[in-house]
PDB file of N, CA and C in Angstrom:
ATOM      1  N   MET A   1     -21.878 -12.350  40.804  1.00  0.00           N
ATOM      2  CA  MET A   1     -20.724 -11.502  41.025  1.00  0.00           C
ATOM      3  C   MET A   1     -21.218 -10.074  41.240  1.00  0.00           C
ATOM      4  N   THR A   2     -20.707  -9.426  42.249  1.00  0.00           N
ATOM      5  CA  THR A   2     -21.074  -8.054  42.556  1.00  0.00           C
ATOM      6  C   THR A   2     -19.956  -7.134  42.085  1.00  0.00           C
ATOM      7  N   PHE A   3     -20.352  -6.043  41.440  1.00  0.00           N
ATOM      8  CA  PHE A   3     -19.382  -5.070  40.960  1.00  0.00           C
ATOM      9  C   PHE A   3     -19.353  -3.898  41.924  1.00  0.00           C
ATOM     10  N   ASN A   4     -18.156  -3.607  42.421  1.00  0.00           N
ATOM     11  CA  ASN A   4     -18.013  -2.551  43.411  1.00  0.00           C
ATOM     12  C   ASN A   4     -17.751  -1.188  42.800  1.00  0.00           C
ATOM     13  N   THR A   5     -17.236  -1.183  41.620  1.00  0.00           N
ATOM     14  CA  THR A   5     -16.893   0.105  41.025  1.00  0.00           C
ATOM     15  C   THR A   5     -17.433   0.201  39.616  1.00  0.00           C
ATOM     16  N   GLU A   6     -17.549   1.410  39.199  1.00  0.00           N
ATOM     17  CA  GLU A   6     -17.961   1.663  37.812  1.00  0.00           C
ATOM     18  C   GLU A   6     -16.961   1.059  36.839  1.00  0.00           C
ATOM     19  N   ASN A   7     -15.682   1.116  37.171  1.00  0.00           N
ATOM     20  CA  ASN A   7     -14.627   0.568  36.325  1.00  0.00           C
ATOM     21  C   ASN A   7     -14.803  -0.940  36.133  1.00  0.00           C
ATOM     22  N   GLU A   8     -15.152  -1.664  37.193  1.00  0.00           N
ATOM     23  CA  GLU A   8     -15.377  -3.101  37.084  1.00  0.00           C
ATOM     24  C   GLU A   8     -16.557  -3.396  36.157  1.00  0.00           C
ATOM     25  N   ARG A   9     -17.606  -2.598  36.251  1.00  0.00           N
ATOM     26  CA  ARG A   9     -18.777  -2.779  35.380  1.00  0.00           C
ATOM     27  C   ARG A   9     -18.386  -2.543  33.914  1.00  0.00           C
ATOM     28  N   ARG A  10     -17.570  -1.501  33.689  1.00  0.00           N
ATOM     29  CA  ARG A  10     -17.146  -1.188  32.325  1.00  0.00           C
ATOM     30  C   ARG A  10     -16.279  -2.317  31.769  1.00  0.00           C
ATOM     31  N   ILE A  11     -15.343  -2.805  32.563  1.00  0.00           N
ATOM     32  CA  ILE A  11     -14.453  -3.866  32.109  1.00  0.00           C
ATOM     33  C   ILE A  11     -15.256  -5.120  31.779  1.00  0.00           C
ATOM     34  N   ASN A  12     -16.194  -5.486  32.621  1.00  0.00           N
ATOM     35  CA  ASN A  12     -17.017  -6.663  32.363  1.00  0.00           C
ATOM     36  C   ASN A  12     -17.857  -6.468  31.101  1.00  0.00           C
ATOM     37  N   GLY A  13     -18.391  -5.272  30.931  1.00  0.00           N
ATOM     38  CA  GLY A  13     -19.167  -4.978  29.725  1.00  0.00           C
ATOM     39  C   GLY A  13     -18.307  -5.078  28.473  1.00  0.00           C
ATOM     40  N   ASP A  14     -17.075  -4.584  28.540  1.00  0.00           N
ATOM     41  CA  ASP A  14     -16.158  -4.684  27.394  1.00  0.00           C
ATOM     42  C   ASP A  14     -15.860  -6.138  27.066  1.00  0.00           C
ATOM     43  N   ARG A  15     -15.659  -6.956  28.084  1.00  0.00           N
ATOM     44  CA  ARG A  15     -15.396  -8.387  27.864  1.00  0.00           C
ATOM     45  C   ARG A  15     -16.583  -9.055  27.194  1.00  0.00           C
ATOM     46  N   ARG A  16     -17.785  -8.774  27.708  1.00  0.00           N
ATOM     47  CA  ARG A  16     -18.993  -9.354  27.121  1.00  0.00           C
ATOM     48  C   ARG A  16     -19.131  -8.946  25.660  1.00  0.00           C
ATOM     49  N   ALA A  17     -18.898  -7.682  25.376  1.00  0.00           N
ATOM     50  CA  ALA A  17     -19.003  -7.193  24.001  1.00  0.00           C
ATOM     51  C   ALA A  17     -17.984  -7.891  23.109  1.00  0.00           C
ATOM     52  N   GLY A  18     -16.765  -8.083  23.616  1.00  0.00           N
ATOM     53  CA  GLY A  18     -15.740  -8.781  22.840  1.00  0.00           C
ATOM     54  C   GLY A  18     -16.134 -10.214  22.547  1.00  0.00           C
ATOM     55  N   LEU A  19     -16.690 -10.897  23.531  1.00  0.00           N
ATOM     56  CA  LEU A  19     -17.144 -12.276  23.328  1.00  0.00           C
ATOM     57  C   LEU A  19     -18.274 -12.337  22.315  1.00  0.00           C
ATOM     58  N   GLU A  20     -19.206 -11.392  22.389  1.00  0.00           N
ATOM     59  CA  GLU A  20     -20.322 -11.364  21.442  1.00  0.00           C
ATOM     60  C   GLU A  20     -19.825 -11.125  20.022  1.00  0.00           C
ATOM     61  N   ARG A  21     -18.839 -10.227  19.850  1.00  0.00           N
ATOM     62  CA  ARG A  21     -18.283  -9.989  18.518  1.00  0.00           C
ATOM     63  C   ARG A  21     -17.611 -11.250  17.990  1.00  0.00           C
ATOM     64  N   ARG A  22     -16.851 -11.921  18.831  1.00  0.00           N
ATOM     65  CA  ARG A  22     -16.155 -13.141  18.420  1.00  0.00           C
ATOM     66  C   ARG A  22     -17.163 -14.229  18.049  1.00  0.00           C
ATOM     67  N   GLU A  23     -18.216 -14.384  18.867  1.00  0.00           N
ATOM     68  CA  GLU A  23     -19.250 -15.380  18.565  1.00  0.00           C
ATOM     69  C   GLU A  23     -19.948 -15.042  17.256  1.00  0.00           C
ATOM     70  N   GLY A  24     -20.176 -13.760  17.002  1.00  0.00           N
ATOM     71  CA  GLY A  24     -20.782 -13.337  15.740  1.00  0.00           C
ATOM     72  C   GLY A  24     -19.894 -13.678  14.551  1.00  0.00           C
ATOM     73  N   ARG A  25     -18.583 -13.442  14.690  1.00  0.00           N
ATOM     74  CA  ARG A  25     -17.640 -13.789  13.614  1.00  0.00           C
ATOM     75  C   ARG A  25     -17.616 -15.295  13.389  1.00  0.00           C
ATOM     76  N   ASP A  26     -17.654 -16.060  14.474  1.00  0.00           N
ATOM     77  CA  ASP A  26     -17.651 -17.519  14.343  1.00  0.00           C
ATOM     78  C   ASP A  26     -18.902 -18.009  13.627  1.00  0.00           C
ATOM     79  N   ARG A  27     -20.055 -17.460  14.002  1.00  0.00           N
ATOM     80  CA  ARG A  27     -21.313 -17.837  13.329  1.00  0.00           C
ATOM     81  C   ARG A  27     -21.264 -17.467  11.851  1.00  0.00           C
ATOM     82  N   ARG A  28     -20.745 -16.275  11.564  1.00  0.00           N
ATOM     83  CA  ARG A  28     -20.656 -15.823  10.177  1.00  0.00           C
ATOM     84  C   ARG A  28     -19.721 -16.733   9.380  1.00  0.00           C
ATOM     85  N   LEU A  29     -18.619 -17.169   9.976  1.00  0.00           N
ATOM     86  CA  LEU A  29     -17.687 -18.059   9.294  1.00  0.00           C
ATOM     87  C   LEU A  29     -18.349 -19.398   8.976  1.00  0.00           C
ATOM     88  N   ILE A  30     -19.100 -19.932   9.919  1.00  0.00           N
ATOM     89  CA  ILE A  30     -19.807 -21.197   9.675  1.00  0.00           C
ATOM     90  C   ILE A  30     -20.818 -21.031   8.542  1.00  0.00           C
ATOM     91  N   GLU A  31     -21.572 -19.948   8.568  1.00  0.00           N
ATOM     92  CA  GLU A  31     -22.538 -19.681   7.496  1.00  0.00           C
ATOM     93  C   GLU A  31     -21.840 -19.503   6.160  1.00  0.00           C
ATOM     94  N   ASP A  32     -20.734 -18.765   6.153  1.00  0.00           N
ATOM     95  CA  ASP A  32     -19.981 -18.553   4.912  1.00  0.00           C
ATOM     96  C   ASP A  32     -19.495 -19.876   4.340  1.00  0.00           C
ATOM     97  N   ARG A  33     -18.972 -20.737   5.188  1.00  0.00           N
ATOM     98  CA  ARG A  33     -18.471 -22.040   4.733  1.00  0.00           C
ATOM     99  C   ARG A  33     -19.615 -22.884   4.162  1.00  0.00           C
ATOM    100  N   ASN A  34     -20.741 -22.916   4.865  1.00  0.00           N
ATOM    101  CA  ASN A  34     -21.887 -23.691   4.379  1.00  0.00           C
ATOM    102  C   ASN A  34     -22.412 -23.156   3.058  1.00  0.00           C
ATOM    103  N   ASN A  35     -22.522 -21.849   2.957  1.00  0.00           N
ATOM    104  CA  ASN A  35     -22.994 -21.245   1.704  1.00  0.00           C
ATOM    105  C   ASN A  35     -22.009 -21.495   0.569  1.00  0.00           C
ATOM    106  N   ALA A  36     -20.722 -21.396   0.859  1.00  0.00           N
ATOM    107  CA  ALA A  36     -19.707 -21.629  -0.174  1.00  0.00           C
ATOM    108  C   ALA A  36     -19.785 -23.056  -0.703  1.00  0.00           C
ATOM    109  N   ARG A  37     -20.042 -24.021   0.161  1.00  0.00           N
ATOM    110  CA  ARG A  37     -20.146 -25.424  -0.282  1.00  0.00           C
ATOM    111  C   ARG A  37     -21.335 -25.639  -1.215  1.00  0.00           C
ATOM    112  N   ARG A  38     -22.382 -24.823  -1.075  1.00  0.00           N
ATOM    113  CA  ARG A  38     -23.556 -24.931  -1.940  1.00  0.00           C
ATOM    114  C   ARG A  38     -23.330 -24.341  -3.336  1.00  0.00           C
ATOM    115  N   LEU A  39     -22.393 -23.413  -3.425  1.00  0.00           N
ATOM    116  CA  LEU A  39     -22.229 -22.652  -4.669  1.00  0.00           C
ATOM    117  C   LEU A  39     -22.056 -23.507  -5.920  1.00  0.00           C
ATOM    118  N   PRO A  40     -21.181 -24.510  -5.940  1.00  0.00           N
ATOM    119  CA  PRO A  40     -20.998 -25.257  -7.192  1.00  0.00           C
ATOM    120  C   PRO A  40     -22.283 -25.922  -7.696  1.00  0.00           C
ATOM    121  N   ASP A  41     -23.033 -26.537  -6.790  1.00  0.00           N
ATOM    122  CA  ASP A  41     -24.281 -27.203  -7.198  1.00  0.00           C
ATOM    123  C   ASP A  41     -25.303 -26.195  -7.710  1.00  0.00           C
ATOM    124  N   GLU A  42     -25.442 -25.085  -6.991  1.00  0.00           N
ATOM    125  CA  GLU A  42     -26.410 -24.068  -7.407  1.00  0.00           C
ATOM    126  C   GLU A  42     -25.967 -23.372  -8.687  1.00  0.00           C
ATOM    127  N   PHE A  43     -24.678 -23.141  -8.827  1.00  0.00           N
ATOM    128  CA  PHE A  43     -24.148 -22.522 -10.035  1.00  0.00           C
ATOM    129  C   PHE A  43     -24.439 -23.412 -11.237  1.00  0.00           C
ATOM    130  N   ALA A  44     -24.196 -24.705 -11.099  1.00  0.00           N
ATOM    131  CA  ALA A  44     -24.404 -25.644 -12.208  1.00  0.00           C
ATOM    132  C   ALA A  44     -25.881 -25.713 -12.611  1.00  0.00           C
ATOM    133  N   GLN A  45     -26.785 -25.517 -11.666  1.00  0.00           N
ATOM    134  CA  GLN A  45     -28.220 -25.625 -11.947  1.00  0.00           C
ATOM    135  C   GLN A  45     -28.849 -24.304 -12.387  1.00  0.00           C
ATOM    136  N   ALA A  46     -28.167 -23.203 -12.172  1.00  0.00           N
ATOM    137  CA  ALA A  46     -28.730 -21.886 -12.489  1.00  0.00           C
ATOM    138  C   ALA A  46     -28.757 -21.662 -14.001  1.00  0.00           C
ATOM    139  N   ALA A  47     -29.612 -20.746 -14.409  1.00  0.00           N
ATOM    140  CA  ALA A  47     -29.712 -20.381 -15.822  1.00  0.00           C
ATOM    141  C   ALA A  47     -28.895 -19.122 -16.077  1.00  0.00           C
ATOM    142  N   GLY A  48     -28.531 -18.930 -17.331  1.00  0.00           N
ATOM    143  CA  GLY A  48     -27.827 -17.723 -17.731  1.00  0.00           C
ATOM    144  C   GLY A  48     -26.341 -17.934 -17.863  1.00  0.00           C
ATOM    145  N   GLY A  49     -25.653 -16.850 -18.179  1.00  0.00           N
ATOM    146  CA  GLY A  49     -24.210 -16.896 -18.338  1.00  0.00           C
ATOM    147  C   GLY A  49     -23.509 -16.978 -16.994  1.00  0.00           C
ATOM    148  N   SER A  50     -22.219 -17.240 -17.034  1.00  0.00           N
ATOM    149  CA  SER A  50     -21.471 -17.428 -15.789  1.00  0.00           C
ATOM    150  C   SER A  50     -21.493 -16.177 -14.908  1.00  0.00           C
ATOM    151  N   ASP A  51     -21.355 -14.992 -15.496  1.00  0.00           N
ATOM    152  CA  ASP A  51     -21.391 -13.754 -14.692  1.00  0.00           C
ATOM    153  C   ASP A  51     -22.739 -13.587 -13.998  1.00  0.00           C
ATOM    154  N   HIS A  52     -23.806 -13.846 -14.744  1.00  0.00           N
ATOM    155  CA  HIS A  52     -25.156 -13.716 -14.195  1.00  0.00           C
ATOM    156  C   HIS A  52     -25.362 -14.715 -13.054  1.00  0.00           C
ATOM    157  N   ARG A  53     -24.926 -15.943 -13.263  1.00  0.00           N
ATOM    158  CA  ARG A  53     -25.102 -16.980 -12.244  1.00  0.00           C
ATOM    159  C   ARG A  53     -24.365 -16.622 -10.955  1.00  0.00           C
ATOM    160  N   ILE A  54     -23.086 -16.301 -11.066  1.00  0.00           N
ATOM    161  CA  ILE A  54     -22.300 -16.070  -9.862  1.00  0.00           C
ATOM    162  C   ILE A  54     -22.735 -14.804  -9.143  1.00  0.00           C
ATOM    163  N   THR A  55     -23.092 -13.772  -9.899  1.00  0.00           N
ATOM    164  CA  THR A  55     -23.562 -12.531  -9.273  1.00  0.00           C
ATOM    165  C   THR A  55     -24.837 -12.782  -8.479  1.00  0.00           C
ATOM    166  N   GLY A  56     -25.747 -13.548  -9.046  1.00  0.00           N
ATOM    167  CA  GLY A  56     -26.990 -13.869  -8.340  1.00  0.00           C
ATOM    168  C   GLY A  56     -26.749 -14.637  -7.055  1.00  0.00           C
ATOM    169  N   LEU A  57     -25.851 -15.601  -7.109  1.00  0.00           N
ATOM    170  CA  LEU A  57     -25.562 -16.400  -5.916  1.00  0.00           C
ATOM    171  C   LEU A  57     -24.849 -15.578  -4.839  1.00  0.00           C
ATOM    172  N   VAL A  58     -23.870 -14.808  -5.246  1.00  0.00           N
ATOM    173  CA  VAL A  58     -23.149 -13.976  -4.277  1.00  0.00           C
ATOM    174  C   VAL A  58     -24.099 -12.961  -3.649  1.00  0.00           C
ATOM    175  N   ASN A  59     -24.965 -12.368  -4.451  1.00  0.00           N
ATOM    176  CA  ASN A  59     -25.924 -11.409  -3.899  1.00  0.00           C
ATOM    177  C   ASN A  59     -26.906 -12.081  -2.945  1.00  0.00           C
ATOM    178  N   ARG A  60     -27.257 -13.328  -3.208  1.00  0.00           N
ATOM    179  CA  ARG A  60     -28.182 -14.046  -2.336  1.00  0.00           C
ATOM    180  C   ARG A  60     -27.549 -14.307  -0.966  1.00  0.00           C
ATOM    181  N   TYR A  61     -26.323 -14.791  -0.963  1.00  0.00           N
ATOM    182  CA  TYR A  61     -25.711 -15.223   0.295  1.00  0.00           C
ATOM    183  C   TYR A  61     -24.927 -14.134   1.019  1.00  0.00           C
ATOM    184  N   TRP A  62     -24.448 -13.141   0.289  1.00  0.00           N
ATOM    185  CA  TRP A  62     -23.603 -12.127   0.922  1.00  0.00           C
ATOM    186  C   TRP A  62     -24.130 -10.719   0.645  1.00  0.00           C
ATOM    187  N   SER A  63     -25.444 -10.563   0.683  1.00  0.00           N
ATOM    188  CA  SER A  63     -26.070  -9.269   0.399  1.00  0.00           C
ATOM    189  C   SER A  63     -25.728  -8.220   1.449  1.00  0.00           C
ATOM    190  N   GLY A  64     -25.281  -8.640   2.619  1.00  0.00           N
ATOM    191  CA  GLY A  64     -24.942  -7.704   3.682  1.00  0.00           C
ATOM    192  C   GLY A  64     -23.606  -7.009   3.499  1.00  0.00           C
ATOM    193  N   TYR A  65     -22.910  -7.318   2.408  1.00  0.00           N
ATOM    194  CA  TYR A  65     -21.607  -6.705   2.128  1.00  0.00           C
ATOM    195  C   TYR A  65     -21.758  -5.654   1.033  1.00  0.00           C
ATOM    196  N   PRO A  66     -20.906  -4.656   1.027  1.00  0.00           N
ATOM    197  CA  PRO A  66     -20.976  -3.627  -0.022  1.00  0.00           C
ATOM    198  C   PRO A  66     -20.774  -4.247  -1.409  1.00  0.00           C
ATOM    199  N   GLU A  67     -21.382  -3.637  -2.394  1.00  0.00           N
ATOM    200  CA  GLU A  67     -21.309  -4.154  -3.766  1.00  0.00           C
ATOM    201  C   GLU A  67     -19.884  -4.359  -4.269  1.00  0.00           C
ATOM    202  N   PRO A  68     -18.956  -3.435  -4.037  1.00  0.00           N
ATOM    203  CA  PRO A  68     -17.591  -3.675  -4.523  1.00  0.00           C
ATOM    204  C   PRO A  68     -16.969  -4.946  -3.932  1.00  0.00           C
ATOM    205  N   GLU A  69     -17.278  -5.241  -2.680  1.00  0.00           N
ATOM    206  CA  GLU A  69     -16.746  -6.453  -2.064  1.00  0.00           C
ATOM    207  C   GLU A  69     -17.418  -7.694  -2.638  1.00  0.00           C
ATOM    208  N   ARG A  70     -18.712  -7.613  -2.912  1.00  0.00           N
ATOM    209  CA  ARG A  70     -19.410  -8.740  -3.553  1.00  0.00           C
ATOM    210  C   ARG A  70     -18.865  -8.972  -4.955  1.00  0.00           C
ATOM    211  N   ASP A  71     -18.578  -7.892  -5.672  1.00  0.00           N
ATOM    212  CA  ASP A  71     -17.994  -8.026  -7.010  1.00  0.00           C
ATOM    213  C   ASP A  71     -16.633  -8.715  -6.940  1.00  0.00           C
ATOM    214  N   GLU A  72     -15.843  -8.362  -5.939  1.00  0.00           N
ATOM    215  CA  GLU A  72     -14.535  -8.979  -5.747  1.00  0.00           C
ATOM    216  C   GLU A  72     -14.678 -10.487  -5.505  1.00  0.00           C
ATOM    217  N   LEU A  73     -15.657 -10.860  -4.685  1.00  0.00           N
ATOM    218  CA  LEU A  73     -15.899 -12.282  -4.415  1.00  0.00           C
ATOM    219  C   LEU A  73     -16.350 -12.992  -5.677  1.00  0.00           C
ATOM    220  N   SER A  74     -17.244 -12.384  -6.425  1.00  0.00           N
ATOM    221  CA  SER A  74     -17.715 -12.997  -7.678  1.00  0.00           C
ATOM    222  C   SER A  74     -16.546 -13.268  -8.616  1.00  0.00           C
ATOM    223  N   GLN A  75     -15.668 -12.299  -8.767  1.00  0.00           N
ATOM    224  CA  GLN A  75     -14.518 -12.461  -9.658  1.00  0.00           C
ATOM    225  C   GLN A  75     -13.566 -13.542  -9.161  1.00  0.00           C
ATOM    226  N   ALA A  76     -13.429 -13.674  -7.850  1.00  0.00           N
ATOM    227  CA  ALA A  76     -12.543 -14.699  -7.293  1.00  0.00           C
ATOM    228  C   ALA A  76     -13.128 -16.105  -7.457  1.00  0.00           C
ATOM    229  N   LEU A  77     -14.452 -16.212  -7.465  1.00  0.00           N
ATOM    230  CA  LEU A  77     -15.097 -17.520  -7.586  1.00  0.00           C
ATOM    231  C   LEU A  77     -15.223 -18.003  -9.035  1.00  0.00           C
ATOM    232  N   LEU A  78     -15.260 -17.079  -9.979  1.00  0.00           N
ATOM    233  CA  LEU A  78     -15.473 -17.474 -11.378  1.00  0.00           C
ATOM    234  C   LEU A  78     -14.499 -18.529 -11.881  1.00  0.00           C
ATOM    235  N   PRO A  79     -13.205 -18.419 -11.649  1.00  0.00           N
ATOM    236  CA  PRO A  79     -12.294 -19.450 -12.154  1.00  0.00           C
ATOM    237  C   PRO A  79     -12.589 -20.846 -11.594  1.00  0.00           C
ATOM    238  N   VAL A  80     -13.133 -20.903 -10.389  1.00  0.00           N
ATOM    239  CA  VAL A  80     -13.462 -22.194  -9.772  1.00  0.00           C
ATOM    240  C   VAL A  80     -14.720 -22.785 -10.398  1.00  0.00           C
ATOM    241  N   LEU A  81     -15.683 -21.946 -10.719  1.00  0.00           N
ATOM    242  CA  LEU A  81     -17.007 -22.417 -11.120  1.00  0.00           C
ATOM    243  C   LEU A  81     -17.266 -22.422 -12.618  1.00  0.00           C
ATOM    244  N   GLU A  82     -16.504 -21.664 -13.371  1.00  0.00           N
ATOM    245  CA  GLU A  82     -16.816 -21.441 -14.788  1.00  0.00           C
ATOM    246  C   GLU A  82     -16.945 -22.725 -15.597  1.00  0.00           C
ATOM    247  N   GLU A  83     -16.144 -23.742 -15.288  1.00  0.00           N
ATOM    248  CA  GLU A  83     -16.220 -24.978 -16.075  1.00  0.00           C
ATOM    249  C   GLU A  83     -17.566 -25.683 -15.895  1.00  0.00           C
ATOM    250  N   LEU A  84     -18.275 -25.358 -14.823  1.00  0.00           N
ATOM    251  CA  LEU A  84     -19.560 -26.006 -14.558  1.00  0.00           C
ATOM    252  C   LEU A  84     -20.672 -25.492 -15.458  1.00  0.00           C
ATOM    253  N   ILE A  85     -20.372 -24.498 -16.282  1.00  0.00           N
ATOM    254  CA  ILE A  85     -21.374 -23.970 -17.205  1.00  0.00           C
ATOM    255  C   ILE A  85     -21.641 -24.967 -18.334  1.00  0.00           C
ATOM    256  N   ALA A  86     -20.656 -25.796 -18.651  1.00  0.00           N
ATOM    257  CA  ALA A  86     -20.805 -26.787 -19.726  1.00  0.00           C
ATOM    258  C   ALA A  86     -21.700 -27.930 -19.250  1.00  0.00           C
ATOM    259  N   PRO A  87     -22.607 -28.373 -20.118  1.00  0.00           N
ATOM    260  CA  PRO A  87     -23.487 -29.484 -19.746  1.00  0.00           C
ATOM    261  C   PRO A  87     -22.683 -30.753 -19.457  1.00  0.00           C
ATOM    262  N   GLY A  88     -23.109 -31.466 -18.445  1.00  0.00           N
ATOM    263  CA  GLY A  88     -22.501 -32.748 -18.135  1.00  0.00           C
ATOM    264  C   GLY A  88     -21.247 -32.711 -17.282  1.00  0.00           C
ATOM    265  N   VAL A  89     -20.735 -31.526 -16.965  1.00  0.00           N
ATOM    266  CA  VAL A  89     -19.555 -31.454 -16.112  1.00  0.00           C
ATOM    267  C   VAL A  89     -20.022 -31.675 -14.674  1.00  0.00           C
ATOM    268  N   PRO A  90     -19.485 -32.701 -14.013  1.00  0.00           N
ATOM    269  CA  PRO A  90     -19.961 -32.992 -12.657  1.00  0.00           C
ATOM    270  C   PRO A  90     -19.380 -32.029 -11.621  1.00  0.00           C
ATOM    271  N   VAL A  91     -20.186 -31.730 -10.617  1.00  0.00           N
ATOM    272  CA  VAL A  91     -19.714 -30.969  -9.465  1.00  0.00           C
ATOM    273  C   VAL A  91     -18.940 -31.946  -8.587  1.00  0.00           C
ATOM    274  N   THR A  92     -17.744 -31.549  -8.183  1.00  0.00           N
ATOM    275  CA  THR A  92     -16.911 -32.431  -7.366  1.00  0.00           C
ATOM    276  C   THR A  92     -16.678 -31.815  -5.985  1.00  0.00           C
ATOM    277  N   GLU A  93     -16.163 -32.643  -5.100  1.00  0.00           N
ATOM    278  CA  GLU A  93     -15.792 -32.161  -3.776  1.00  0.00           C
ATOM    279  C   GLU A  93     -14.704 -31.089  -3.894  1.00  0.00           C
ATOM    280  N   ASN A  94     -13.853 -31.217  -4.890  1.00  0.00           N
ATOM    281  CA  ASN A  94     -12.810 -30.218  -5.120  1.00  0.00           C
ATOM    282  C   ASN A  94     -13.416 -28.840  -5.416  1.00  0.00           C
ATOM    283  N   HIS A  95     -14.489 -28.793  -6.199  1.00  0.00           N
ATOM    284  CA  HIS A  95     -15.176 -27.517  -6.454  1.00  0.00           C
ATOM    285  C   HIS A  95     -15.648 -26.909  -5.134  1.00  0.00           C
ATOM    286  N   ARG A  96     -16.270 -27.744  -4.310  1.00  0.00           N
ATOM    287  CA  ARG A  96     -16.796 -27.254  -3.031  1.00  0.00           C
ATOM    288  C   ARG A  96     -15.673 -26.738  -2.134  1.00  0.00           C
ATOM    289  N   GLU A  97     -14.598 -27.514  -2.025  1.00  0.00           N
ATOM    290  CA  GLU A  97     -13.482 -27.113  -1.172  1.00  0.00           C
ATOM    291  C   GLU A  97     -12.815 -25.830  -1.666  1.00  0.00           C
ATOM    292  N   GLN A  98     -12.681 -25.697  -2.983  1.00  0.00           N
ATOM    293  CA  GLN A  98     -12.086 -24.475  -3.531  1.00  0.00           C
ATOM    294  C   GLN A  98     -12.980 -23.271  -3.256  1.00  0.00           C
ATOM    295  N   CYS A  99     -14.292 -23.444  -3.363  1.00  0.00           N
ATOM    296  CA  CYS A  99     -15.207 -22.337  -3.065  1.00  0.00           C
ATOM    297  C   CYS A  99     -15.095 -21.931  -1.600  1.00  0.00           C
ATOM    298  N   VAL A 100     -15.010 -22.897  -0.712  1.00  0.00           N
ATOM    299  CA  VAL A 100     -14.856 -22.579   0.712  1.00  0.00           C
ATOM    300  C   VAL A 100     -13.573 -21.791   0.927  1.00  0.00           C
ATOM    301  N   GLU A 101     -12.500 -22.233   0.316  1.00  0.00           N
ATOM    302  CA  GLU A 101     -11.212 -21.539   0.478  1.00  0.00           C
ATOM    303  C   GLU A 101     -11.297 -20.095  -0.018  1.00  0.00           C
ATOM    304  N   VAL A 102     -11.889 -19.902  -1.186  1.00  0.00           N
ATOM    305  CA  VAL A 102     -12.021 -18.547  -1.747  1.00  0.00           C
ATOM    306  C   VAL A 102     -12.868 -17.667  -0.825  1.00  0.00           C
ATOM    307  N   VAL A 103     -14.003 -18.186  -0.394  1.00  0.00           N
ATOM    308  CA  VAL A 103     -14.917 -17.394   0.438  1.00  0.00           C
ATOM    309  C   VAL A 103     -14.292 -17.063   1.795  1.00  0.00           C
ATOM    310  N   VAL A 104     -13.650 -18.034   2.421  1.00  0.00           N
ATOM    311  CA  VAL A 104     -13.038 -17.792   3.731  1.00  0.00           C
ATOM    312  C   VAL A 104     -11.921 -16.751   3.603  1.00  0.00           C
ATOM    313  N   ASP A 105     -11.095 -16.869   2.566  1.00  0.00           N
ATOM    314  CA  ASP A 105     -10.037 -15.874   2.345  1.00  0.00           C
ATOM    315  C   ASP A 105     -10.632 -14.491   2.121  1.00  0.00           C
ATOM    316  N   TRP A 106     -11.675 -14.425   1.306  1.00  0.00           N
ATOM    317  CA  TRP A 106     -12.324 -13.141   1.011  1.00  0.00           C
ATOM    318  C   TRP A 106     -12.953 -12.562   2.280  1.00  0.00           C
ATOM    319  N   ALA A 107     -13.674 -13.387   3.034  1.00  0.00           N
ATOM    320  CA  ALA A 107     -14.390 -12.907   4.222  1.00  0.00           C
ATOM    321  C   ALA A 107     -13.447 -12.398   5.299  1.00  0.00           C
ATOM    322  N   ALA A 108     -12.215 -12.916   5.315  1.00  0.00           N
ATOM    323  CA  ALA A 108     -11.249 -12.472   6.319  1.00  0.00           C
ATOM    324  C   ALA A 108     -10.941 -10.975   6.170  1.00  0.00           C
ATOM    325  N   GLY A 109     -11.072 -10.451   4.959  1.00  0.00           N
ATOM    326  CA  GLY A 109     -10.780  -9.038   4.737  1.00  0.00           C
ATOM    327  C   GLY A 109     -12.001  -8.191   4.441  1.00  0.00           C
ATOM    328  N   ALA A 110     -13.168  -8.816   4.365  1.00  0.00           N
ATOM    329  CA  ALA A 110     -14.392  -8.089   4.024  1.00  0.00           C
ATOM    330  C   ALA A 110     -15.177  -7.773   5.285  1.00  0.00           C
ATOM    331  N   GLU A 111     -15.844  -6.649   5.282  1.00  0.00           N
ATOM    332  CA  GLU A 111     -16.673  -6.252   6.408  1.00  0.00           C
ATOM    333  C   GLU A 111     -18.105  -6.036   5.937  1.00  0.00           C
ATOM    334  N   PRO A 112     -19.071  -6.701   6.601  1.00  0.00           N
ATOM    335  CA  PRO A 112     -20.453  -6.441   6.228  1.00  0.00           C
ATOM    336  C   PRO A 112     -20.846  -5.006   6.537  1.00  0.00           C
ATOM    337  N   VAL A 113     -21.869  -4.554   5.864  1.00  0.00           N
ATOM    338  CA  VAL A 113     -22.385  -3.211   6.110  1.00  0.00           C
ATOM    339  C   VAL A 113     -22.996  -3.211   7.506  1.00  0.00           C
ATOM    340  N   SER A 114     -22.674  -2.210   8.295  1.00  0.00           N
ATOM    341  CA  SER A 114     -23.186  -2.109   9.653  1.00  0.00           C
ATOM    342  C   SER A 114     -24.677  -1.811   9.620  1.00  0.00           C
ATOM    343  N   THR A 115     -25.420  -2.460  10.500  1.00  0.00           N
ATOM    344  CA  THR A 115     -26.849  -2.203  10.585  1.00  0.00           C
ATOM    345  C   THR A 115     -27.197  -1.402  11.829  1.00  0.00           C
ATOM    346  N   ASP A 116     -26.169  -0.811  12.446  1.00  0.00           N
ATOM    347  CA  ASP A 116     -26.398  -0.006  13.672  1.00  0.00           C
ATOM    348  C   ASP A 116     -27.159   1.250  13.369  1.00  0.00           C
TER     349      ASP A 116
END
């Protein structure tokens, strides 16, 4: 495709940038969902108290977000995961699905720190 005007080049560039942003959000959503599904198993296997466990996991997977937003996610996940601190409590598909729901809801309003 040949661009005849500067305006056409700008419009095409804006479209490309929009597609790249959307693809980036889609990739981030897939990663968030996959990481959220891992949380119950990793939480159950981690050492320490529930706050220590969840903070470590959230910092591992969502380190690109500001600390206040990571703290918000940790607090939202605790009610889902806290029962797994007791020995012998099995991790269920329900734990995984609830973690995905919490993370996806949180990520919809959270913005990673810009690396520009």
